[in-house]
Each structure stands twice: as C-alpha cells, then as structure tokens.
Amino acid sequence: MIAAFSVTPIGSGEEVGRAVAEAVRVVRASGLPNETTSMFTTVEGEWDEVMAVIKQATDAVMAVSSRCSLVIKADVRPGVSDGMTSKVASVERYLAEG
C-alpha cells in the first residue's frame, strides 16, 4: 500500500511548519519508505503499518492543535512492494522515449 497524506493544524495561524515537522518526524522514525513534498507525505507498507503511522502523525499534530485537517489518498495493491520508486521509474521510461 502506498498512501499520500497531508495533516495540517487548523486554527493555529498561517505558520504550520513546526507542527507538520512533528508529523514528518513520526513518519521518518517509522522505518517505512517515505517521501515528503511541499503538499503531501507518502509512505509505503502494509495496510496496518501505514494507517498506524498516519494516526501517529495526526496525533503529533493534535498535540499542538485542538483541530486538524487530514487528507489521505491510497493505492491499495496487495503483494506489491517498492511501488513508490517503480511507479516513478515507469513514467520516466516513457518520458525518455520522447
């Protein structure tokens, strides 16, 4: 499973970087393959592992905010691993063909 998620505190002003950093810290400590971009953090693993990490990341934001927004998009495909890199590699191959 690959899940891209965004967890953002609500009601704490425009600067959310510190709270988001705490969520990303949780993801990185999980040991699961992950990547953080300007809009989402993507994590890959088994369903229970990924969902547990997303919950822990949400809890980290809720520790500093009374409310948060959580957006999750998931590709649930049992038996597939290394999808985060193989999916991008596939697109890059097509791009290289011209």
PDB file of N, CA and C in Angstrom:
ATOM      1  N   MET A   1       0.837  -1.173   0.000  1.00  0.00           N
ATOM      2  CA  MET A   1       0.000   0.000   0.000  1.00  0.00           C
ATOM      3  C   MET A   1       0.878   1.230   0.000  1.00  0.00           C
ATOM      4  N   ILE A   2       0.489   2.185  -0.824  1.00  0.00           N
ATOM      5  CA  ILE A   2       1.128   3.497  -0.814  1.00  0.00           C
ATOM      6  C   ILE A   2       0.052   4.491  -0.407  1.00  0.00           C
ATOM      7  N   ALA A   3       0.357   5.335   0.565  1.00  0.00           N
ATOM      8  CA  ALA A   3      -0.588   6.370   0.973  1.00  0.00           C
ATOM      9  C   ALA A   3       0.110   7.716   0.977  1.00  0.00           C
ATOM     10  N   ALA A   4      -0.534   8.674   0.331  1.00  0.00           N
ATOM     11  CA  ALA A   4      -0.087  10.062   0.388  1.00  0.00           C
ATOM     12  C   ALA A   4      -1.048  10.769   1.330  1.00  0.00           C
ATOM     13  N   PHE A   5      -0.505  11.473   2.304  1.00  0.00           N
ATOM     14  CA  PHE A   5      -1.390  12.153   3.238  1.00  0.00           C
ATOM     15  C   PHE A   5      -0.844  13.519   3.613  1.00  0.00           C
ATOM     16  N   SER A   6      -1.762  14.347   4.033  1.00  0.00           N
ATOM     17  CA  SER A   6      -1.443  15.691   4.499  1.00  0.00           C
ATOM     18  C   SER A   6      -2.189  15.908   5.801  1.00  0.00           C
ATOM     19  N   VAL A   7      -1.478  16.256   6.841  1.00  0.00           N
ATOM     20  CA  VAL A   7      -2.109  16.567   8.121  1.00  0.00           C
ATOM     21  C   VAL A   7      -1.670  17.982   8.507  1.00  0.00           C
ATOM     22  N   THR A   8      -2.654  18.842   8.726  1.00  0.00           N
ATOM     23  CA  THR A   8      -2.386  20.266   8.951  1.00  0.00           C
ATOM     24  C   THR A   8      -3.199  20.764  10.136  1.00  0.00           C
ATOM     25  N   PRO A   9      -2.547  21.482  11.053  1.00  0.00           N
ATOM     26  CA  PRO A   9      -3.322  22.049  12.161  1.00  0.00           C
ATOM     27  C   PRO A   9      -4.250  23.140  11.642  1.00  0.00           C
ATOM     28  N   ILE A  10      -5.399  23.256  12.270  1.00  0.00           N
ATOM     29  CA  ILE A  10      -6.367  24.298  11.924  1.00  0.00           C
ATOM     30  C   ILE A  10      -6.540  25.210  13.127  1.00  0.00           C
ATOM     31  N   GLY A  11      -6.558  26.502  12.852  1.00  0.00           N
ATOM     32  CA  GLY A  11      -6.808  27.465  13.915  1.00  0.00           C
ATOM     33  C   GLY A  11      -5.574  27.906  14.670  1.00  0.00           C
ATOM     34  N   SER A  12      -4.407  27.564  14.138  1.00  0.00           N
ATOM     35  CA  SER A  12      -3.177  27.947  14.838  1.00  0.00           C
ATOM     36  C   SER A  12      -2.383  28.989  14.056  1.00  0.00           C
ATOM     37  N   GLY A  13      -3.031  29.633  13.082  1.00  0.00           N
ATOM     38  CA  GLY A  13      -2.363  30.664  12.299  1.00  0.00           C
ATOM     39  C   GLY A  13      -1.826  30.128  10.988  1.00  0.00           C
ATOM     40  N   GLU A  14      -1.157  31.004  10.266  1.00  0.00           N
ATOM     41  CA  GLU A  14      -0.640  30.638   8.946  1.00  0.00           C
ATOM     42  C   GLU A  14       0.588  29.748   9.001  1.00  0.00           C
ATOM     43  N   GLU A  15       1.423  29.890  10.004  1.00  0.00           N
ATOM     44  CA  GLU A  15       2.660  29.123  10.108  1.00  0.00           C
ATOM     45  C   GLU A  15       2.373  27.746  10.700  1.00  0.00           C
ATOM     46  N   VAL A  16       2.451  26.722   9.858  1.00  0.00           N
ATOM     47  CA  VAL A  16       2.150  25.356  10.302  1.00  0.00           C
ATOM     48  C   VAL A  16       3.371  24.443  10.236  1.00  0.00           C
ATOM     49  N   GLY A  17       4.504  24.989   9.823  1.00  0.00           N
ATOM     50  CA  GLY A  17       5.700  24.177   9.593  1.00  0.00           C
ATOM     51  C   GLY A  17       6.166  23.381  10.788  1.00  0.00           C
ATOM     52  N   ARG A  18       6.124  23.968  11.970  1.00  0.00           N
ATOM     53  CA  ARG A  18       6.607  23.257  13.167  1.00  0.00           C
ATOM     54  C   ARG A  18       5.731  22.031  13.460  1.00  0.00           C
ATOM     55  N   ALA A  19       4.426  22.188  13.382  1.00  0.00           N
ATOM     56  CA  ALA A  19       3.521  21.063  13.647  1.00  0.00           C
ATOM     57  C   ALA A  19       3.655  19.995  12.565  1.00  0.00           C
ATOM     58  N   VAL A  20       3.757  20.411  11.317  1.00  0.00           N
ATOM     59  CA  VAL A  20       3.922  19.453  10.221  1.00  0.00           C
ATOM     60  C   VAL A  20       5.244  18.707  10.374  1.00  0.00           C
ATOM     61  N   ALA A  21       6.273  19.401  10.812  1.00  0.00           N
ATOM     62  CA  ALA A  21       7.575  18.749  11.029  1.00  0.00           C
ATOM     63  C   ALA A  21       7.465  17.632  12.060  1.00  0.00           C
ATOM     64  N   GLU A  22       6.644  17.820  13.073  1.00  0.00           N
ATOM     65  CA  GLU A  22       6.464  16.766  14.077  1.00  0.00           C
ATOM     66  C   GLU A  22       5.799  15.546  13.455  1.00  0.00           C
ATOM     67  N   ALA A  23       4.845  15.766  12.549  1.00  0.00           N
ATOM     68  CA  ALA A  23       4.204  14.648  11.857  1.00  0.00           C
ATOM     69  C   ALA A  23       5.205  13.919  10.970  1.00  0.00           C
ATOM     70  N   VAL A  24       6.013  14.667  10.253  1.00  0.00           N
ATOM     71  CA  VAL A  24       7.025  14.064   9.379  1.00  0.00           C
ATOM     72  C   VAL A  24       8.067  13.310  10.204  1.00  0.00           C
ATOM     73  N   ARG A  25       8.394  13.817  11.364  1.00  0.00           N
ATOM     74  CA  ARG A  25       9.340  13.133  12.259  1.00  0.00           C
ATOM     75  C   ARG A  25       8.825  11.729  12.608  1.00  0.00           C
ATOM     76  N   VAL A  26       7.535  11.620  12.868  1.00  0.00           N
ATOM     77  CA  VAL A  26       6.910  10.326  13.164  1.00  0.00           C
ATOM     78  C   VAL A  26       7.047   9.380  11.977  1.00  0.00           C
ATOM     79  N   VAL A  27       6.766   9.892  10.789  1.00  0.00           N
ATOM     80  CA  VAL A  27       6.849   9.061   9.577  1.00  0.00           C
ATOM     81  C   VAL A  27       8.274   8.567   9.376  1.00  0.00           C
ATOM     82  N   ARG A  28       9.225   9.452   9.484  1.00  0.00           N
ATOM     83  CA  ARG A  28      10.630   9.061   9.265  1.00  0.00           C
ATOM     84  C   ARG A  28      11.118   8.065  10.311  1.00  0.00           C
ATOM     85  N   ALA A  29      10.635   8.195  11.524  1.00  0.00           N
ATOM     86  CA  ALA A  29      11.043   7.268  12.588  1.00  0.00           C
ATOM     87  C   ALA A  29      10.407   5.883  12.408  1.00  0.00           C
ATOM     88  N   SER A  30       9.365   5.791  11.589  1.00  0.00           N
ATOM     89  CA  SER A  30       8.667   4.512  11.405  1.00  0.00           C
ATOM     90  C   SER A  30       9.518   3.466  10.710  1.00  0.00           C
ATOM     91  N   GLY A  31      10.496   3.912   9.924  1.00  0.00           N
ATOM     92  CA  GLY A  31      11.320   2.978   9.165  1.00  0.00           C
ATOM     93  C   GLY A  31      10.692   2.554   7.848  1.00  0.00           C
ATOM     94  N   LEU A  32       9.467   2.982   7.577  1.00  0.00           N
ATOM     95  CA  LEU A  32       8.830   2.660   6.299  1.00  0.00           C
ATOM     96  C   LEU A  32       9.358   3.583   5.210  1.00  0.00           C
ATOM     97  N   PRO A  33       9.388   3.118   3.968  1.00  0.00           N
ATOM     98  CA  PRO A  33       9.787   4.003   2.872  1.00  0.00           C
ATOM     99  C   PRO A  33       8.853   5.214   2.843  1.00  0.00           C
ATOM    100  N   ASN A  34       9.427   6.403   2.700  1.00  0.00           N
ATOM    101  CA  ASN A  34       8.610   7.611   2.712  1.00  0.00           C
ATOM    102  C   ASN A  34       9.271   8.729   1.932  1.00  0.00           C
ATOM    103  N   GLU A  35       8.468   9.702   1.588  1.00  0.00           N
ATOM    104  CA  GLU A  35       8.949  10.889   0.880  1.00  0.00           C
ATOM    105  C   GLU A  35       8.039  12.049   1.258  1.00  0.00           C
ATOM    106  N   THR A  36       8.632  13.200   1.516  1.00  0.00           N
ATOM    107  CA  THR A  36       7.852  14.387   1.836  1.00  0.00           C
ATOM    108  C   THR A  36       8.060  15.426   0.752  1.00  0.00           C
ATOM    109  N   THR A  37       6.946  15.962   0.252  1.00  0.00           N
ATOM    110  CA  THR A  37       6.978  17.051  -0.725  1.00  0.00           C
ATOM    111  C   THR A  37       6.278  18.257  -0.107  1.00  0.00           C
ATOM    112  N   SER A  38       6.116  19.292  -0.886  1.00  0.00           N
ATOM    113  CA  SER A  38       5.508  20.511  -0.356  1.00  0.00           C
ATOM    114  C   SER A  38       4.044  20.345   0.029  1.00  0.00           C
ATOM    115  N   MET A  39       3.377  19.338  -0.505  1.00  0.00           N
ATOM    116  CA  MET A  39       1.943  19.176  -0.258  1.00  0.00           C
ATOM    117  C   MET A  39       1.572  17.898   0.495  1.00  0.00           C
ATOM    118  N   PHE A  40       2.355  16.833   0.343  1.00  0.00           N
ATOM    119  CA  PHE A  40       1.996  15.542   0.933  1.00  0.00           C
ATOM    120  C   PHE A  40       3.231  14.803   1.427  1.00  0.00           C
ATOM    121  N   THR A  41       2.990  13.878   2.331  1.00  0.00           N
ATOM    122  CA  THR A  41       3.990  12.887   2.711  1.00  0.00           C
ATOM    123  C   THR A  41       3.462  11.548   2.233  1.00  0.00           C
ATOM    124  N   THR A  42       4.313  10.801   1.547  1.00  0.00           N
ATOM    125  CA  THR A  42       3.942   9.496   1.024  1.00  0.00           C
ATOM    126  C   THR A  42       4.678   8.442   1.835  1.00  0.00           C
ATOM    127  N   VAL A  43       3.963   7.389   2.173  1.00  0.00           N
ATOM    128  CA  VAL A  43       4.541   6.305   2.961  1.00  0.00           C
ATOM    129  C   VAL A  43       4.069   4.982   2.357  1.00  0.00           C
ATOM    130  N   GLU A  44       4.944   3.967   2.401  1.00  0.00           N
ATOM    131  CA  GLU A  44       4.621   2.670   1.796  1.00  0.00           C
ATOM    132  C   GLU A  44       4.835   1.546   2.793  1.00  0.00           C
ATOM    133  N   GLY A  45       3.893   0.609   2.802  1.00  0.00           N
ATOM    134  CA  GLY A  45       3.998  -0.552   3.676  1.00  0.00           C
ATOM    135  C   GLY A  45       2.692  -1.321   3.670  1.00  0.00           C
ATOM    136  N   GLU A  46       2.540  -2.199   4.622  1.00  0.00           N
ATOM    137  CA  GLU A  46       1.292  -2.942   4.768  1.00  0.00           C
ATOM    138  C   GLU A  46       0.221  -2.018   5.353  1.00  0.00           C
ATOM    139  N   TRP A  47      -1.037  -2.333   5.067  1.00  0.00           N
ATOM    140  CA  TRP A  47      -2.172  -1.500   5.491  1.00  0.00           C
ATOM    141  C   TRP A  47      -2.061  -1.062   6.952  1.00  0.00           C
ATOM    142  N   ASP A  48      -1.922  -2.029   7.860  1.00  0.00           N
ATOM    143  CA  ASP A  48      -1.914  -1.712   9.288  1.00  0.00           C
ATOM    144  C   ASP A  48      -0.730  -0.831   9.665  1.00  0.00           C
ATOM    145  N   GLU A  49       0.423  -1.066   9.047  1.00  0.00           N
ATOM    146  CA  GLU A  49       1.602  -0.248   9.329  1.00  0.00           C
ATOM    147  C   GLU A  49       1.381   1.198   8.886  1.00  0.00           C
ATOM    148  N   VAL A  50       0.915   1.350   7.653  1.00  0.00           N
ATOM    149  CA  VAL A  50       0.733   2.686   7.078  1.00  0.00           C
ATOM    150  C   VAL A  50      -0.318   3.468   7.855  1.00  0.00           C
ATOM    151  N   MET A  51      -1.448   2.828   8.135  1.00  0.00           N
ATOM    152  CA  MET A  51      -2.515   3.529   8.840  1.00  0.00           C
ATOM    153  C   MET A  51      -2.100   3.887  10.263  1.00  0.00           C
ATOM    154  N   ALA A  52      -1.298   3.035  10.895  1.00  0.00           N
ATOM    155  CA  ALA A  52      -0.798   3.341  12.241  1.00  0.00           C
ATOM    156  C   ALA A  52       0.116   4.562  12.202  1.00  0.00           C
ATOM    157  N   VAL A  53       0.968   4.660  11.185  1.00  0.00           N
ATOM    158  CA  VAL A  53       1.862   5.809  11.054  1.00  0.00           C
ATOM    159  C   VAL A  53       1.056   7.082  10.814  1.00  0.00           C
ATOM    160  N   ILE A  54       0.038   7.002   9.963  1.00  0.00           N
ATOM    161  CA  ILE A  54      -0.795   8.177   9.704  1.00  0.00           C
ATOM    162  C   ILE A  54      -1.496   8.617  10.989  1.00  0.00           C
ATOM    163  N   LYS A  55      -1.981   7.669  11.777  1.00  0.00           N
ATOM    164  CA  LYS A  55      -2.617   8.031  13.043  1.00  0.00           C
ATOM    165  C   LYS A  55      -1.616   8.685  13.994  1.00  0.00           C
ATOM    166  N   GLN A  56      -0.427   8.120  14.092  1.00  0.00           N
ATOM    167  CA  GLN A  56       0.592   8.694  14.982  1.00  0.00           C
ATOM    168  C   GLN A  56       0.994  10.094  14.527  1.00  0.00           C
ATOM    169  N   ALA A  57       1.089  10.295  13.211  1.00  0.00           N
ATOM    170  CA  ALA A  57       1.426  11.622  12.680  1.00  0.00           C
ATOM    171  C   ALA A  57       0.305  12.609  12.996  1.00  0.00           C
ATOM    172  N   THR A  58      -0.926  12.157  12.881  1.00  0.00           N
ATOM    173  CA  THR A  58      -2.067  13.008  13.221  1.00  0.00           C
ATOM    174  C   THR A  58      -2.061  13.338  14.711  1.00  0.00           C
ATOM    175  N   ASP A  59      -1.770  12.352  15.532  1.00  0.00           N
ATOM    176  CA  ASP A  59      -1.676  12.591  16.984  1.00  0.00           C
ATOM    177  C   ASP A  59      -0.593  13.613  17.308  1.00  0.00           C
ATOM    178  N   ALA A  60       0.508  13.585  16.563  1.00  0.00           N
ATOM    179  CA  ALA A  60       1.588  14.547  16.796  1.00  0.00           C
ATOM    180  C   ALA A  60       1.118  15.974  16.513  1.00  0.00           C
ATOM    181  N   VAL A  61       0.327  16.141  15.476  1.00  0.00           N
ATOM    182  CA  VAL A  61      -0.219  17.471  15.166  1.00  0.00           C
ATOM    183  C   VAL A  61      -1.263  17.859  16.213  1.00  0.00           C
ATOM    184  N   MET A  62      -2.089  16.920  16.604  1.00  0.00           N
ATOM    185  CA  MET A  62      -3.121  17.213  17.598  1.00  0.00           C
ATOM    186  C   MET A  62      -2.529  17.547  18.967  1.00  0.00           C
ATOM    187  N   ALA A  63      -1.296  17.163  19.198  1.00  0.00           N
ATOM    188  CA  ALA A  63      -0.634  17.503  20.461  1.00  0.00           C
ATOM    189  C   ALA A  63      -0.374  18.998  20.566  1.00  0.00           C
ATOM    190  N   VAL A  64      -0.362  19.693  19.429  1.00  0.00           N
ATOM    191  CA  VAL A  64      -0.092  21.138  19.436  1.00  0.00           C
ATOM    192  C   VAL A  64      -1.253  21.952  18.865  1.00  0.00           C
ATOM    193  N   SER A  65      -2.351  21.283  18.539  1.00  0.00           N
ATOM    194  CA  SER A  65      -3.505  21.969  17.966  1.00  0.00           C
ATOM    195  C   SER A  65      -4.780  21.251  18.409  1.00  0.00           C
ATOM    196  N   SER A  66      -5.844  21.998  18.579  1.00  0.00           N
ATOM    197  CA  SER A  66      -7.096  21.376  19.013  1.00  0.00           C
ATOM    198  C   SER A  66      -7.906  20.824  17.843  1.00  0.00           C
ATOM    199  N   ARG A  67      -7.419  21.068  16.614  1.00  0.00           N
ATOM    200  CA  ARG A  67      -8.142  20.623  15.418  1.00  0.00           C
ATOM    201  C   ARG A  67      -7.145  20.465  14.277  1.00  0.00           C
ATOM    202  N   CYS A  68      -7.412  19.518  13.364  1.00  0.00           N
ATOM    203  CA  CYS A  68      -6.545  19.373  12.201  1.00  0.00           C
ATOM    204  C   CYS A  68      -7.336  18.901  10.991  1.00  0.00           C
ATOM    205  N   SER A  69      -6.756  19.104   9.831  1.00  0.00           N
ATOM    206  CA  SER A  69      -7.287  18.593   8.576  1.00  0.00           C
ATOM    207  C   SER A  69      -6.419  17.417   8.170  1.00  0.00           C
ATOM    208  N   LEU A  70      -7.060  16.320   7.770  1.00  0.00           N
ATOM    209  CA  LEU A  70      -6.333  15.135   7.324  1.00  0.00           C
ATOM    210  C   LEU A  70      -6.880  14.712   5.974  1.00  0.00           C
ATOM    211  N   VAL A  71      -5.982  14.640   4.970  1.00  0.00           N
ATOM    212  CA  VAL A  71      -6.335  14.184   3.629  1.00  0.00           C
ATOM    213  C   VAL A  71      -5.488  12.958   3.337  1.00  0.00           C
ATOM    214  N   ILE A  72      -6.129  11.878   2.870  1.00  0.00           N
ATOM    215  CA  ILE A  72      -5.407  10.638   2.556  1.00  0.00           C
ATOM    216  C   ILE A  72      -5.820  10.160   1.167  1.00  0.00           C
ATOM    217  N   LYS A  73      -4.822   9.821   0.367  1.00  0.00           N
ATOM    218  CA  LYS A  73      -5.063   9.157  -0.917  1.00  0.00           C
ATOM    219  C   LYS A  73      -4.215   7.889  -0.897  1.00  0.00           C
ATOM    220  N   ALA A  74      -4.829   6.741  -1.213  1.00  0.00           N
ATOM    221  CA  ALA A  74      -4.103   5.475  -1.093  1.00  0.00           C
ATOM    222  C   ALA A  74      -4.227   4.627  -2.349  1.00  0.00           C
ATOM    223  N   ASP A  75      -3.144   3.907  -2.639  1.00  0.00           N
ATOM    224  CA  ASP A  75      -3.109   2.891  -3.688  1.00  0.00           C
ATOM    225  C   ASP A  75      -2.949   1.560  -2.964  1.00  0.00           C
ATOM    226  N   VAL A  76      -4.039   0.824  -2.853  1.00  0.00           N
ATOM    227  CA  VAL A  76      -4.023  -0.439  -2.122  1.00  0.00           C
ATOM    228  C   VAL A  76      -3.845  -1.551  -3.144  1.00  0.00           C
ATOM    229  N   ARG A  77      -2.666  -2.169  -3.112  1.00  0.00           N
ATOM    230  CA  ARG A  77      -2.324  -3.197  -4.099  1.00  0.00           C
ATOM    231  C   ARG A  77      -1.517  -4.284  -3.403  1.00  0.00           C
ATOM    232  N   PRO A  78      -2.198  -5.273  -2.817  1.00  0.00           N
ATOM    233  CA  PRO A  78      -1.510  -6.329  -2.065  1.00  0.00           C
ATOM    234  C   PRO A  78      -0.444  -7.042  -2.914  1.00  0.00           C
ATOM    235  N   GLY A  79       0.655  -7.362  -2.259  1.00  0.00           N
ATOM    236  CA  GLY A  79       1.714  -8.118  -2.916  1.00  0.00           C
ATOM    237  C   GLY A  79       2.729  -7.279  -3.662  1.00  0.00           C
ATOM    238  N   VAL A  80       2.494  -5.988  -3.768  1.00  0.00           N
ATOM    239  CA  VAL A  80       3.426  -5.119  -4.480  1.00  0.00           C
ATOM    240  C   VAL A  80       4.268  -4.370  -3.464  1.00  0.00           C
ATOM    241  N   SER A  81       5.562  -4.366  -3.678  1.00  0.00           N
ATOM    242  CA  SER A  81       6.454  -3.578  -2.832  1.00  0.00           C
ATOM    243  C   SER A  81       7.304  -2.686  -3.725  1.00  0.00           C
ATOM    244  N   ASP A  82       7.902  -1.700  -3.149  1.00  0.00           N
ATOM    245  CA  ASP A  82       8.748  -0.737  -3.856  1.00  0.00           C
ATOM    246  C   ASP A  82       7.964   0.031  -4.929  1.00  0.00           C
ATOM    247  N   GLY A  83       6.684   0.189  -4.699  1.00  0.00           N
ATOM    248  CA  GLY A  83       5.848   0.918  -5.650  1.00  0.00           C
ATOM    249  C   GLY A  83       6.196   2.389  -5.739  1.00  0.00           C
ATOM    250  N   MET A  84       6.663   2.973  -4.642  1.00  0.00           N
ATOM    251  CA  MET A  84       6.997   4.402  -4.663  1.00  0.00           C
ATOM    252  C   MET A  84       8.053   4.705  -5.723  1.00  0.00           C
ATOM    253  N   THR A  85       9.024   3.831  -5.870  1.00  0.00           N
ATOM    254  CA  THR A  85      10.070   4.086  -6.864  1.00  0.00           C
ATOM    255  C   THR A  85       9.746   3.471  -8.217  1.00  0.00           C
ATOM    256  N   SER A  86       9.125   2.295  -8.219  1.00  0.00           N
ATOM    257  CA  SER A  86       8.863   1.644  -9.506  1.00  0.00           C
ATOM    258  C   SER A  86       7.820   2.392 -10.335  1.00  0.00           C
ATOM    259  N   LYS A  87       6.840   3.008  -9.694  1.00  0.00           N
ATOM    260  CA  LYS A  87       5.838   3.770 -10.444  1.00  0.00           C
ATOM    261  C   LYS A  87       6.467   4.989 -11.105  1.00  0.00           C
ATOM    262  N   VAL A  88       7.344   5.662 -10.391  1.00  0.00           N
ATOM    263  CA  VAL A  88       8.023   6.828 -10.958  1.00  0.00           C
ATOM    264  C   VAL A  88       8.973   6.394 -12.069  1.00  0.00           C
ATOM    265  N   ALA A  89       9.675   5.296 -11.864  1.00  0.00           N
ATOM    266  CA  ALA A  89      10.602   4.786 -12.891  1.00  0.00           C
ATOM    267  C   ALA A  89       9.864   4.458 -14.182  1.00  0.00           C
ATOM    268  N   SER A  90       8.671   3.918 -14.070  1.00  0.00           N
ATOM    269  CA  SER A  90       7.874   3.610 -15.242  1.00  0.00           C
ATOM    270  C   SER A  90       7.546   4.871 -16.034  1.00  0.00           C
ATOM    271  N   VAL A  91       7.109   5.899 -15.369  1.00  0.00           N
ATOM    272  CA  VAL A  91       6.793   7.167 -16.044  1.00  0.00           C
ATOM    273  C   VAL A  91       8.052   7.760 -16.673  1.00  0.00           C
ATOM    274  N   GLU A  92       9.168   7.704 -15.959  1.00  0.00           N
ATOM    275  CA  GLU A  92      10.433   8.255 -16.501  1.00  0.00           C
ATOM    276  C   GLU A  92      10.844   7.511 -17.764  1.00  0.00           C
ATOM    277  N   ARG A  93      10.641   6.182 -17.818  1.00  0.00           N
ATOM    278  CA  ARG A  93      10.959   5.432 -19.033  1.00  0.00           C
ATOM    279  C   ARG A  93      10.140   5.932 -20.220  1.00  0.00           C
ATOM    280  N   TYR A  94       8.855   6.161 -20.008  1.00  0.00           N
ATOM    281  CA  TYR A  94       8.003   6.666 -21.072  1.00  0.00           C
ATOM    282  C   TYR A  94       8.416   8.074 -21.499  1.00  0.00           C
ATOM    283  N   LEU A  95       8.794   8.889 -20.552  1.00  0.00           N
ATOM    284  CA  LEU A  95       9.249  10.248 -20.875  1.00  0.00           C
ATOM    285  C   LEU A  95      10.538  10.222 -21.708  1.00  0.00           C
ATOM    286  N   ALA A  96      11.419   9.278 -21.390  1.00  0.00           N
ATOM    287  CA  ALA A  96      12.692   9.172 -22.105  1.00  0.00           C
ATOM    288  C   ALA A  96      12.498   8.735 -23.550  1.00  0.00           C
ATOM    289  N   GLU A  97      11.389   8.042 -23.829  1.00  0.00           N
ATOM    290  CA  GLU A  97      11.115   7.611 -25.207  1.00  0.00           C
ATOM    291  C   GLU A  97      10.794   8.794 -26.125  1.00  0.00           C
ATOM    292  N   GLY A  98      10.439   9.908 -25.523  1.00  0.00           N
ATOM    293  CA  GLY A  98      10.178  11.109 -26.328  1.00  0.00           C
ATOM    294  C   GLY A  98       8.764  11.273 -26.591  1.00  0.00           C
TER     295      GLY A  98
END
